[in-house]
Structures are given as structure tokens and as C-alpha cells.
Amino acid sequence: MAKIIVEVMLKDEILDPQGQAVSAAMVRLGFNFVTGVRQGKRFEISTASTPTSDQVKEIEKAAETLLANTVIENFTVRVEG
């Protein structure tokens, strides 16, 4: 079994209030080396066998139309396993 991993993150120029809140909390908890946090989403799509390049392209289309809002988010797609 393999997985196709889609990671979605806000673009750098988009404010990330949740990431800022986590970053501030980490510093308050003593993680003083932390200078910033960005929050994102991860999708794990299971497949019965190693996906073909065409199947990965189909998942890229799904990421662009369903999983990510490409106006404010970037995404990456990779295969694990």
C-alpha cells in the first residue's frame, strides 16, 4: 500500500492568525528558540499499489480544485511507500 501526501500551506504573504497564536504560546511555554509557526493541512490518500504518474497528476488536479484554495494557499504532492 502506498500513500499520496498532499500538504497545503498558506502563501507567505497571507496572515496566519492560528500560526501566530501557536507561536506566541510556544514562547510562553519556554520554547524561546521558536521565531514563527505557520499552520497548514495534510491529506493522506491511500492507494492499493504504487500510483502511476497519471494518478499523481489526477491528485494534483484534485488538490488544485478541492483540497487547496489556490488564491491563498500553495500545495505539494508526493508519494510515500
C-alpha atoms as a PDB file:
ATOM      1  CA  MET A   1       0.000   0.000   0.000  1.00  0.00           C
ATOM      2  CA  ALA A   2       1.225   3.487  -0.844  1.00  0.00           C
ATOM      3  CA  LYS A   3       0.102   6.946   0.143  1.00  0.00           C
ATOM      4  CA  ILE A   4      -0.095  10.164  -1.793  1.00  0.00           C
ATOM      5  CA  ILE A   5       0.577  13.047   0.558  1.00  0.00           C
ATOM      6  CA  VAL A   6      -0.869  16.481  -0.197  1.00  0.00           C
ATOM      7  CA  GLU A   7       0.370  19.296   2.035  1.00  0.00           C
ATOM      8  CA  VAL A   8      -1.410  22.645   1.872  1.00  0.00           C
ATOM      9  CA  MET A   9       0.040  25.833   3.368  1.00  0.00           C
ATOM     10  CA  LEU A  10      -0.996  29.449   3.324  1.00  0.00           C
ATOM     11  CA  LYS A  11       1.079  31.548   0.956  1.00  0.00           C
ATOM     12  CA  ASP A  12       3.808  33.539   2.708  1.00  0.00           C
ATOM     13  CA  GLU A  13       2.038  36.860   2.140  1.00  0.00           C
ATOM     14  CA  ILE A  14      -1.198  35.641   3.800  1.00  0.00           C
ATOM     15  CA  LEU A  15      -1.570  36.297   7.530  1.00  0.00           C
ATOM     16  CA  ASP A  16      -1.814  33.154   9.655  1.00  0.00           C
ATOM     17  CA  PRO A  17      -3.562  34.039  12.946  1.00  0.00           C
ATOM     18  CA  GLN A  18      -3.631  30.424  14.135  1.00  0.00           C
ATOM     19  CA  GLY A  19       0.082  30.047  13.473  1.00  0.00           C
ATOM     20  CA  GLN A  20       0.753  33.322  15.297  1.00  0.00           C
ATOM     21  CA  ALA A  21      -1.257  32.137  18.320  1.00  0.00           C
ATOM     22  CA  VAL A  22       0.649  28.831  18.429  1.00  0.00           C
ATOM     23  CA  SER A  23       3.955  30.669  18.068  1.00  0.00           C
ATOM     24  CA  ALA A  24       3.137  33.006  20.973  1.00  0.00           C
ATOM     25  CA  ALA A  25       2.019  30.068  23.136  1.00  0.00           C
ATOM     26  CA  MET A  26       5.229  28.173  22.432  1.00  0.00           C
ATOM     27  CA  VAL A  27       7.324  31.129  23.564  1.00  0.00           C
ATOM     28  CA  ARG A  28       5.181  31.471  26.717  1.00  0.00           C
ATOM     29  CA  LEU A  29       5.787  27.774  27.412  1.00  0.00           C
ATOM     30  CA  GLY A  30       9.540  28.265  27.234  1.00  0.00           C
ATOM     31  CA  PHE A  31      10.308  27.312  23.648  1.00  0.00           C
ATOM     32  CA  ASN A  32      12.289  30.519  23.236  1.00  0.00           C
ATOM     33  CA  PHE A  33      14.080  29.401  20.073  1.00  0.00           C
ATOM     34  CA  VAL A  34      10.795  29.485  18.094  1.00  0.00           C
ATOM     35  CA  THR A  35      10.598  32.524  15.819  1.00  0.00           C
ATOM     36  CA  GLY A  36       7.409  31.645  13.948  1.00  0.00           C
ATOM     37  CA  VAL A  37       4.815  29.000  13.163  1.00  0.00           C
ATOM     38  CA  ARG A  38       2.718  28.503  10.036  1.00  0.00           C
ATOM     39  CA  GLN A  39      -0.301  26.200  10.258  1.00  0.00           C
ATOM     40  CA  GLY A  40      -1.359  24.028   7.334  1.00  0.00           C
ATOM     41  CA  LYS A  41      -3.248  20.907   6.273  1.00  0.00           C
ATOM     42  CA  ARG A  42      -2.050  17.422   5.352  1.00  0.00           C
ATOM     43  CA  PHE A  43      -4.079  14.911   3.361  1.00  0.00           C
ATOM     44  CA  GLU A  44      -3.040  11.233   3.189  1.00  0.00           C
ATOM     45  CA  ILE A  45      -4.615   9.453   0.234  1.00  0.00           C
ATOM     46  CA  SER A  46      -4.199   5.676   0.389  1.00  0.00           C
ATOM     47  CA  THR A  47      -3.765   3.584  -2.738  1.00  0.00           C
ATOM     48  CA  ALA A  48      -3.695  -0.202  -3.258  1.00  0.00           C
ATOM     49  CA  SER A  49      -0.384  -0.022  -5.140  1.00  0.00           C
ATOM     50  CA  THR A  50       2.243   2.494  -6.118  1.00  0.00           C
ATOM     51  CA  PRO A  51       0.386   5.214  -8.031  1.00  0.00           C
ATOM     52  CA  THR A  52       1.232   5.891 -11.646  1.00  0.00           C
ATOM     53  CA  SER A  53       2.357   9.325 -12.771  1.00  0.00           C
ATOM     54  CA  ASP A  54      -1.106   9.831 -14.314  1.00  0.00           C
ATOM     55  CA  GLN A  55      -2.755   9.059 -10.972  1.00  0.00           C
ATOM     56  CA  VAL A  56      -0.478  11.541  -9.206  1.00  0.00           C
ATOM     57  CA  LYS A  57      -1.457  14.137 -11.824  1.00  0.00           C
ATOM     58  CA  GLU A  58      -5.120  13.410 -11.065  1.00  0.00           C
ATOM     59  CA  ILE A  59      -4.475  14.025  -7.357  1.00  0.00           C
ATOM     60  CA  GLU A  60      -2.712  17.294  -8.270  1.00  0.00           C
ATOM     61  CA  LYS A  61      -5.921  18.319 -10.090  1.00  0.00           C
ATOM     62  CA  ALA A  62      -7.951  17.368  -7.007  1.00  0.00           C
ATOM     63  CA  ALA A  63      -5.614  19.402  -4.816  1.00  0.00           C
ATOM     64  CA  GLU A  64      -5.967  22.421  -7.082  1.00  0.00           C
ATOM     65  CA  THR A  65      -9.766  22.248  -7.269  1.00  0.00           C
ATOM     66  CA  LEU A  66     -10.834  20.714  -3.948  1.00  0.00           C
ATOM     67  CA  LEU A  67      -8.122  20.465  -1.295  1.00  0.00           C
ATOM     68  CA  ALA A  68      -6.493  23.891  -1.597  1.00  0.00           C
ATOM     69  CA  ASN A  69      -7.740  27.410  -2.179  1.00  0.00           C
ATOM     70  CA  THR A  70      -5.028  28.376  -4.660  1.00  0.00           C
ATOM     71  CA  VAL A  71      -5.768  32.085  -4.251  1.00  0.00           C
ATOM     72  CA  ILE A  72      -4.315  31.995  -0.726  1.00  0.00           C
ATOM     73  CA  GLU A  73      -2.679  28.547  -0.451  1.00  0.00           C
ATOM     74  CA  ASN A  74       0.127  26.565  -2.052  1.00  0.00           C
ATOM     75  CA  PHE A  75       0.267  22.776  -2.114  1.00  0.00           C
ATOM     76  CA  THR A  76       2.752  19.980  -2.692  1.00  0.00           C
ATOM     77  CA  VAL A  77       2.062  16.394  -3.724  1.00  0.00           C
ATOM     78  CA  ARG A  78       4.386  13.454  -3.079  1.00  0.00           C
ATOM     79  CA  VAL A  79       4.205   9.660  -2.890  1.00  0.00           C
ATOM     80  CA  GLU A  80       5.224   7.687   0.219  1.00  0.00           C
ATOM     81  CA  GLY A  81       5.669   3.948   0.419  1.00  0.00           C
END
